[in-house]
């Protein structure tokens, strides 16, 4: 039985009137509501969401069916995911999208990943790069895997933007360990191996680097 207390914050008037609530959040850097302008929309439905003061984008009285949710934001990678109403069991989702059934309605909690224009705080430890095909053209459908060369810790699924660019926020960090990367648990050393994966070209050659606290490192992953 889910704890309904936090869902009272979505809409105090009723827990039954709303159909879908989308809650974008920034867990990578601030663990707070996202920075900058953000738009949530349903690509196959003209109705606009109502945003409350706590950052929930709420849709009322949607008919049963499948809805594609799109999120565009100033400083984050765009997101697009499918929400079925009612929610089946087990619910769909991925590492960045959690769907929860609340009395027949659906709460979609979405972890946004920062883009290269994100206003990172002073002293941020960053790995920035791009993914290119053999001709030097950007690959916009690639994902990045990061592996520690000491200890074997690995985390994957970091997306690139439409220019094939990516940024990895490596904080918090200690003298010998990166605790998280873009909000995802890592727990590996500072010596890293980067590799891209493209649906058409497969795995890229790897690039090795050493992360330095408070500095930005750039790498190009080219097939």
C-alpha atoms as a PDB file:
ATOM      1  CA  UNK A   1       0.000   0.000   0.000  1.00  0.00           C
ATOM      2  CA  UNK A   2       1.690   3.247  -1.071  1.00  0.00           C
ATOM      3  CA  UNK A   3       2.105   6.116   1.336  1.00  0.00           C
ATOM      4  CA  UNK A   4      -0.482   8.614   0.102  1.00  0.00           C
ATOM      5  CA  UNK A   5       0.700  11.475   2.302  1.00  0.00           C
ATOM      6  CA  UNK A   6       3.031  12.992  -0.288  1.00  0.00           C
ATOM      7  CA  UNK A   7       0.384  12.830  -2.974  1.00  0.00           C
ATOM      8  CA  UNK A   8      -1.884  15.158  -1.010  1.00  0.00           C
ATOM      9  CA  UNK A   9       0.619  17.810  -2.107  1.00  0.00           C
ATOM     10  CA  UNK A  10      -0.288  17.226  -5.741  1.00  0.00           C
ATOM     11  CA  UNK A  11      -3.890  18.346  -5.412  1.00  0.00           C
ATOM     12  CA  UNK A  12      -5.425  18.976  -2.024  1.00  0.00           C
ATOM     13  CA  UNK A  13      -8.996  19.165  -3.285  1.00  0.00           C
ATOM     14  CA  UNK A  14      -9.202  15.520  -4.339  1.00  0.00           C
ATOM     15  CA  UNK A  15      -7.119  12.406  -4.908  1.00  0.00           C
ATOM     16  CA  UNK A  16      -9.523  11.161  -7.560  1.00  0.00           C
ATOM     17  CA  UNK A  17     -10.000  14.072  -9.963  1.00  0.00           C
ATOM     18  CA  UNK A  18      -6.504  14.117 -11.404  1.00  0.00           C
ATOM     19  CA  UNK A  19      -5.415  11.514 -13.971  1.00  0.00           C
ATOM     20  CA  UNK A  20      -1.696  12.153 -14.443  1.00  0.00           C
ATOM     21  CA  UNK A  21       0.862  14.166 -12.482  1.00  0.00           C
ATOM     22  CA  UNK A  22       4.362  14.659 -13.904  1.00  0.00           C
ATOM     23  CA  UNK A  23       7.063  15.650 -11.403  1.00  0.00           C
ATOM     24  CA  UNK A  24      10.391  16.617 -13.044  1.00  0.00           C
ATOM     25  CA  UNK A  25      13.294  16.839 -10.633  1.00  0.00           C
ATOM     26  CA  UNK A  26      16.975  17.660 -10.663  1.00  0.00           C
ATOM     27  CA  UNK A  27      18.768  14.930  -8.700  1.00  0.00           C
ATOM     28  CA  UNK A  28      22.084  15.368 -10.502  1.00  0.00           C
ATOM     29  CA  UNK A  29      23.192  18.670  -9.071  1.00  0.00           C
ATOM     30  CA  UNK A  30      20.794  20.328  -6.678  1.00  0.00           C
ATOM     31  CA  UNK A  31      18.328  17.594  -5.640  1.00  0.00           C
ATOM     32  CA  UNK A  32      15.730  20.305  -6.112  1.00  0.00           C
ATOM     33  CA  UNK A  33      13.227  21.539  -8.641  1.00  0.00           C
ATOM     34  CA  UNK A  34      14.798  22.110 -12.064  1.00  0.00           C
ATOM     35  CA  UNK A  35      16.538  25.347 -12.984  1.00  0.00           C
ATOM     36  CA  UNK A  36      15.295  27.540 -15.805  1.00  0.00           C
ATOM     37  CA  UNK A  37      12.245  27.282 -18.006  1.00  0.00           C
ATOM     38  CA  UNK A  38      10.604  23.877 -18.377  1.00  0.00           C
ATOM     39  CA  UNK A  39       7.674  22.665 -20.489  1.00  0.00           C
ATOM     40  CA  UNK A  40       5.679  19.451 -20.023  1.00  0.00           C
ATOM     41  CA  UNK A  41       3.265  18.365 -22.753  1.00  0.00           C
ATOM     42  CA  UNK A  42       1.399  15.364 -24.124  1.00  0.00           C
ATOM     43  CA  UNK A  43       2.306  14.866 -27.779  1.00  0.00           C
ATOM     44  CA  UNK A  44      -0.928  13.059 -28.623  1.00  0.00           C
ATOM     45  CA  UNK A  45      -3.307  15.230 -26.584  1.00  0.00           C
ATOM     46  CA  UNK A  46      -3.991  18.990 -26.848  1.00  0.00           C
ATOM     47  CA  UNK A  47      -4.754  19.571 -23.180  1.00  0.00           C
ATOM     48  CA  UNK A  48      -2.211  21.566 -21.174  1.00  0.00           C
ATOM     49  CA  UNK A  49      -1.007  20.630 -17.730  1.00  0.00           C
ATOM     50  CA  UNK A  50      -1.713  22.747 -14.669  1.00  0.00           C
ATOM     51  CA  UNK A  51       1.424  23.337 -12.617  1.00  0.00           C
ATOM     52  CA  UNK A  52       1.029  23.735  -8.873  1.00  0.00           C
ATOM     53  CA  UNK A  53       3.390  25.520  -6.513  1.00  0.00           C
ATOM     54  CA  UNK A  54       5.289  22.339  -5.672  1.00  0.00           C
ATOM     55  CA  UNK A  55       6.302  21.643  -9.251  1.00  0.00           C
ATOM     56  CA  UNK A  56       3.759  18.967 -10.223  1.00  0.00           C
ATOM     57  CA  UNK A  57       2.346  19.231 -13.757  1.00  0.00           C
ATOM     58  CA  UNK A  58      -1.188  17.876 -13.469  1.00  0.00           C
ATOM     59  CA  UNK A  59      -3.647  16.591 -16.058  1.00  0.00           C
ATOM     60  CA  UNK A  60      -7.297  16.113 -15.173  1.00  0.00           C
ATOM     61  CA  UNK A  61      -9.929  13.736 -16.536  1.00  0.00           C
ATOM     62  CA  UNK A  62      -7.858  12.006 -19.188  1.00  0.00           C
ATOM     63  CA  UNK A  63      -9.486   9.057 -20.893  1.00  0.00           C
ATOM     64  CA  UNK A  64      -7.910   5.619 -20.625  1.00  0.00           C
ATOM     65  CA  UNK A  65      -5.203   5.077 -23.205  1.00  0.00           C
ATOM     66  CA  UNK A  66      -1.517   5.648 -23.912  1.00  0.00           C
ATOM     67  CA  UNK A  67       0.002   9.108 -23.580  1.00  0.00           C
ATOM     68  CA  UNK A  68       3.427  10.245 -24.735  1.00  0.00           C
ATOM     69  CA  UNK A  69       4.922  12.770 -22.329  1.00  0.00           C
ATOM     70  CA  UNK A  70       7.587  15.187 -23.553  1.00  0.00           C
ATOM     71  CA  UNK A  71       9.700  17.447 -21.346  1.00  0.00           C
ATOM     72  CA  UNK A  72      11.801  20.263 -22.781  1.00  0.00           C
ATOM     73  CA  UNK A  73      13.941  22.429 -20.523  1.00  0.00           C
ATOM     74  CA  UNK A  74      16.557  25.152 -20.793  1.00  0.00           C
ATOM     75  CA  UNK A  75      19.378  23.285 -19.052  1.00  0.00           C
ATOM     76  CA  UNK A  76      18.446  19.597 -19.305  1.00  0.00           C
ATOM     77  CA  UNK A  77      18.293  16.905 -21.936  1.00  0.00           C
ATOM     78  CA  UNK A  78      14.784  16.445 -23.348  1.00  0.00           C
ATOM     79  CA  UNK A  79      12.760  13.474 -22.140  1.00  0.00           C
ATOM     80  CA  UNK A  80      10.052  11.487 -23.915  1.00  0.00           C
ATOM     81  CA  UNK A  81       8.286   8.518 -22.338  1.00  0.00           C
ATOM     82  CA  UNK A  82       5.034   6.579 -22.524  1.00  0.00           C
ATOM     83  CA  UNK A  83       2.411   6.578 -19.776  1.00  0.00           C
ATOM     84  CA  UNK A  84      -0.465   4.071 -20.047  1.00  0.00           C
ATOM     85  CA  UNK A  85      -3.722   4.857 -18.239  1.00  0.00           C
ATOM     86  CA  UNK A  86      -4.551   2.824 -16.251  1.00  0.00           C
ATOM     87  CA  UNK A  87      -1.080   1.697 -15.220  1.00  0.00           C
ATOM     88  CA  UNK A  88      -0.405  -2.036 -15.741  1.00  0.00           C
ATOM     89  CA  UNK A  89       1.432  -4.224 -13.266  1.00  0.00           C
ATOM     90  CA  UNK A  90       4.388  -4.232 -13.290  1.00  0.00           C
ATOM     91  CA  UNK A  91       4.536  -0.602 -14.419  1.00  0.00           C
ATOM     92  CA  UNK A  92       6.819   0.460 -17.279  1.00  0.00           C
ATOM     93  CA  UNK A  93       9.635   2.933 -16.713  1.00  0.00           C
ATOM     94  CA  UNK A  94      13.415   3.167 -16.733  1.00  0.00           C
ATOM     95  CA  UNK A  95      16.288   4.418 -14.595  1.00  0.00           C
ATOM     96  CA  UNK A  96      15.087   8.012 -14.923  1.00  0.00           C
ATOM     97  CA  UNK A  97      11.289   7.611 -14.950  1.00  0.00           C
ATOM     98  CA  UNK A  98       9.280   6.058 -12.113  1.00  0.00           C
ATOM     99  CA  UNK A  99       5.543   5.490 -12.641  1.00  0.00           C
ATOM    100  CA  UNK A 100       3.297   4.883  -9.626  1.00  0.00           C
ATOM    101  CA  UNK A 101      -0.408   4.054  -9.527  1.00  0.00           C
ATOM    102  CA  UNK A 102      -2.366   6.213  -7.068  1.00  0.00           C
ATOM    103  CA  UNK A 103      -6.002   5.116  -6.898  1.00  0.00           C
ATOM    104  CA  UNK A 104      -6.182   4.737 -10.675  1.00  0.00           C
ATOM    105  CA  UNK A 105      -4.203   7.896 -11.447  1.00  0.00           C
ATOM    106  CA  UNK A 106      -0.504   7.906 -12.343  1.00  0.00           C
ATOM    107  CA  UNK A 107       2.382   9.822 -10.795  1.00  0.00           C
ATOM    108  CA  UNK A 108       5.405  10.109 -13.115  1.00  0.00           C
ATOM    109  CA  UNK A 109       8.601  11.117 -11.294  1.00  0.00           C
ATOM    110  CA  UNK A 110      11.244  12.092 -13.841  1.00  0.00           C
ATOM    111  CA  UNK A 111      14.948  12.547 -13.091  1.00  0.00           C
ATOM    112  CA  UNK A 112      16.328  15.105 -15.536  1.00  0.00           C
ATOM    113  CA  UNK A 113      19.909  14.869 -16.763  1.00  0.00           C
ATOM    114  CA  UNK A 114      21.918  18.083 -17.193  1.00  0.00           C
ATOM    115  CA  UNK A 115      22.911  19.347 -20.620  1.00  0.00           C
ATOM    116  CA  UNK A 116      26.152  21.106 -21.509  1.00  0.00           C
ATOM    117  CA  UNK A 117      24.564  24.543 -20.883  1.00  0.00           C
ATOM    118  CA  UNK A 118      23.677  23.723 -17.265  1.00  0.00           C
ATOM    119  CA  UNK A 119      24.838  26.451 -14.823  1.00  0.00           C
ATOM    120  CA  UNK A 120      26.979  24.206 -12.645  1.00  0.00           C
ATOM    121  CA  UNK A 121      28.115  25.577  -9.293  1.00  0.00           C
ATOM    122  CA  UNK A 122      31.596  26.975  -8.832  1.00  0.00           C
ATOM    123  CA  UNK A 123      34.102  24.204  -8.211  1.00  0.00           C
ATOM    124  CA  UNK A 124      32.077  21.514  -9.988  1.00  0.00           C
ATOM    125  CA  UNK A 125      33.996  18.452 -11.174  1.00  0.00           C
ATOM    126  CA  UNK A 126      32.962  17.775 -14.770  1.00  0.00           C
ATOM    127  CA  UNK A 127      33.646  15.449 -17.679  1.00  0.00           C
ATOM    128  CA  UNK A 128      32.408  16.934 -20.939  1.00  0.00           C
ATOM    129  CA  UNK A 129      32.601  15.440 -24.395  1.00  0.00           C
ATOM    130  CA  UNK A 130      31.083  14.614 -27.735  1.00  0.00           C
ATOM    131  CA  UNK A 131      30.381  11.511 -29.809  1.00  0.00           C
ATOM    132  CA  UNK A 132      31.195  11.545 -33.544  1.00  0.00           C
ATOM    133  CA  UNK A 133      30.826   9.106 -36.418  1.00  0.00           C
ATOM    134  CA  UNK A 134      33.854   8.194 -38.616  1.00  0.00           C
ATOM    135  CA  UNK A 135      33.222  11.280 -40.785  1.00  0.00           C
ATOM    136  CA  UNK A 136      33.170  13.624 -37.799  1.00  0.00           C
ATOM    137  CA  UNK A 137      29.402  14.096 -37.659  1.00  0.00           C
ATOM    138  CA  UNK A 138      27.649  14.168 -34.262  1.00  0.00           C
ATOM    139  CA  UNK A 139      25.732  11.060 -33.172  1.00  0.00           C
ATOM    140  CA  UNK A 140      22.581  12.138 -31.375  1.00  0.00           C
ATOM    141  CA  UNK A 141      21.326   8.682 -30.347  1.00  0.00           C
ATOM    142  CA  UNK A 142      24.429   7.518 -28.501  1.00  0.00           C
ATOM    143  CA  UNK A 143      24.672   6.741 -24.801  1.00  0.00           C
ATOM    144  CA  UNK A 144      27.745   6.862 -22.579  1.00  0.00           C
ATOM    145  CA  UNK A 145      29.110   4.234 -20.196  1.00  0.00           C
ATOM    146  CA  UNK A 146      31.600   5.209 -17.489  1.00  0.00           C
ATOM    147  CA  UNK A 147      33.828   2.556 -15.891  1.00  0.00           C
ATOM    148  CA  UNK A 148      36.389   2.944 -13.126  1.00  0.00           C
ATOM    149  CA  UNK A 149      39.756   1.464 -14.075  1.00  0.00           C
ATOM    150  CA  UNK A 150      40.328   0.714 -10.375  1.00  0.00           C
ATOM    151  CA  UNK A 151      37.648  -1.395  -8.749  1.00  0.00           C
ATOM    152  CA  UNK A 152      35.456  -1.967 -11.785  1.00  0.00           C
ATOM    153  CA  UNK A 153      32.553   0.304 -10.817  1.00  0.00           C
ATOM    154  CA  UNK A 154      30.435   1.127 -13.859  1.00  0.00           C
ATOM    155  CA  UNK A 155      27.363   3.170 -14.711  1.00  0.00           C
ATOM    156  CA  UNK A 156      25.713   3.554 -18.115  1.00  0.00           C
ATOM    157  CA  UNK A 157      22.813   5.167 -19.932  1.00  0.00           C
ATOM    158  CA  UNK A 158      24.036   8.772 -20.019  1.00  0.00           C
ATOM    159  CA  UNK A 159      22.480  10.354 -23.101  1.00  0.00           C
ATOM    160  CA  UNK A 160      23.906  12.910 -25.521  1.00  0.00           C
ATOM    161  CA  UNK A 161      22.106  15.954 -26.901  1.00  0.00           C
ATOM    162  CA  UNK A 162      21.168  16.698 -30.520  1.00  0.00           C
ATOM    163  CA  UNK A 163      24.772  17.781 -31.172  1.00  0.00           C
ATOM    164  CA  UNK A 164      26.208  14.562 -29.762  1.00  0.00           C
ATOM    165  CA  UNK A 165      27.475  16.385 -26.674  1.00  0.00           C
ATOM    166  CA  UNK A 166      27.326  15.257 -23.051  1.00  0.00           C
ATOM    167  CA  UNK A 167      28.373  16.405 -19.596  1.00  0.00           C
ATOM    168  CA  UNK A 168      28.958  14.308 -16.472  1.00  0.00           C
ATOM    169  CA  UNK A 169      28.750  15.929 -13.034  1.00  0.00           C
ATOM    170  CA  UNK A 170      31.173  13.991 -10.819  1.00  0.00           C
ATOM    171  CA  UNK A 171      30.118  15.165  -7.387  1.00  0.00           C
ATOM    172  CA  UNK A 172      30.272  14.389  -4.554  1.00  0.00           C
ATOM    173  CA  UNK A 173      33.902  13.330  -4.816  1.00  0.00           C
ATOM    174  CA  UNK A 174      36.582  12.386  -2.267  1.00  0.00           C
ATOM    175  CA  UNK A 175      40.348  12.181  -2.642  1.00  0.00           C
ATOM    176  CA  UNK A 176      40.085   8.706  -4.179  1.00  0.00           C
ATOM    177  CA  UNK A 177      36.420   8.071  -5.051  1.00  0.00           C
ATOM    178  CA  UNK A 178      33.623   9.530  -7.175  1.00  0.00           C
ATOM    179  CA  UNK A 179      30.444   8.941  -5.181  1.00  0.00           C
ATOM    180  CA  UNK A 180      27.900   9.839  -7.878  1.00  0.00           C
ATOM    181  CA  UNK A 181      27.821  10.772 -11.550  1.00  0.00           C
ATOM    182  CA  UNK A 182      24.823  12.860 -12.644  1.00  0.00           C
ATOM    183  CA  UNK A 183      23.045  11.729  -9.499  1.00  0.00           C
ATOM    184  CA  UNK A 184      23.595   8.007 -10.170  1.00  0.00           C
ATOM    185  CA  UNK A 185      25.544   5.952  -7.630  1.00  0.00           C
ATOM    186  CA  UNK A 186      29.082   5.173  -8.830  1.00  0.00           C
ATOM    187  CA  UNK A 187      31.578   4.566  -6.026  1.00  0.00           C
ATOM    188  CA  UNK A 188      34.627   4.159  -8.253  1.00  0.00           C
ATOM    189  CA  UNK A 189      38.044   5.754  -8.461  1.00  0.00           C
ATOM    190  CA  UNK A 190      39.033   8.860 -10.366  1.00  0.00           C
ATOM    191  CA  UNK A 191      40.659   7.011 -13.277  1.00  0.00           C
ATOM    192  CA  UNK A 192      37.841   6.451 -15.755  1.00  0.00           C
ATOM    193  CA  UNK A 193      37.181   4.804 -19.094  1.00  0.00           C
ATOM    194  CA  UNK A 194      34.485   6.289 -21.347  1.00  0.00           C
ATOM    195  CA  UNK A 195      32.741   4.403 -24.126  1.00  0.00           C
ATOM    196  CA  UNK A 196      29.803   5.336 -26.335  1.00  0.00           C
ATOM    197  CA  UNK A 197      27.177   3.012 -27.747  1.00  0.00           C
ATOM    198  CA  UNK A 198      25.217   3.894 -30.881  1.00  0.00           C
ATOM    199  CA  UNK A 199      22.248   1.789 -32.098  1.00  0.00           C
ATOM    200  CA  UNK A 200      23.699   1.630 -35.627  1.00  0.00           C
ATOM    201  CA  UNK A 201      27.464   1.666 -35.036  1.00  0.00           C
ATOM    202  CA  UNK A 202      27.653  -0.297 -31.798  1.00  0.00           C
ATOM    203  CA  UNK A 203      30.382   0.344 -29.226  1.00  0.00           C
ATOM    204  CA  UNK A 204      32.961   3.083 -29.814  1.00  0.00           C
ATOM    205  CA  UNK A 205      36.686   2.990 -29.065  1.00  0.00           C
ATOM    206  CA  UNK A 206      37.327   3.835 -25.425  1.00  0.00           C
ATOM    207  CA  UNK A 207      38.877   6.969 -23.955  1.00  0.00           C
ATOM    208  CA  UNK A 208      40.732   7.018 -20.632  1.00  0.00           C
ATOM    209  CA  UNK A 209      40.950  10.025 -18.349  1.00  0.00           C
ATOM    210  CA  UNK A 210      41.676  11.087 -14.799  1.00  0.00           C
ATOM    211  CA  UNK A 211      39.136  13.280 -13.031  1.00  0.00           C
ATOM    212  CA  UNK A 212      40.522  16.242 -11.122  1.00  0.00           C
ATOM    213  CA  UNK A 213      38.376  17.751  -8.397  1.00  0.00           C
ATOM    214  CA  UNK A 214      36.993  21.155  -9.315  1.00  0.00           C
ATOM    215  CA  UNK A 215      38.126  20.945 -12.952  1.00  0.00           C
ATOM    216  CA  UNK A 216      36.554  20.159 -16.329  1.00  0.00           C
ATOM    217  CA  UNK A 217      37.971  17.402 -18.562  1.00  0.00           C
ATOM    218  CA  UNK A 218      36.997  17.071 -22.246  1.00  0.00           C
ATOM    219  CA  UNK A 219      37.053  13.901 -24.353  1.00  0.00           C
ATOM    220  CA  UNK A 220      35.919  13.105 -27.891  1.00  0.00           C
ATOM    221  CA  UNK A 221      34.581   9.607 -28.581  1.00  0.00           C
ATOM    222  CA  UNK A 222      34.880   8.998 -32.318  1.00  0.00           C
ATOM    223  CA  UNK A 223      34.163   5.833 -34.270  1.00  0.00           C
END
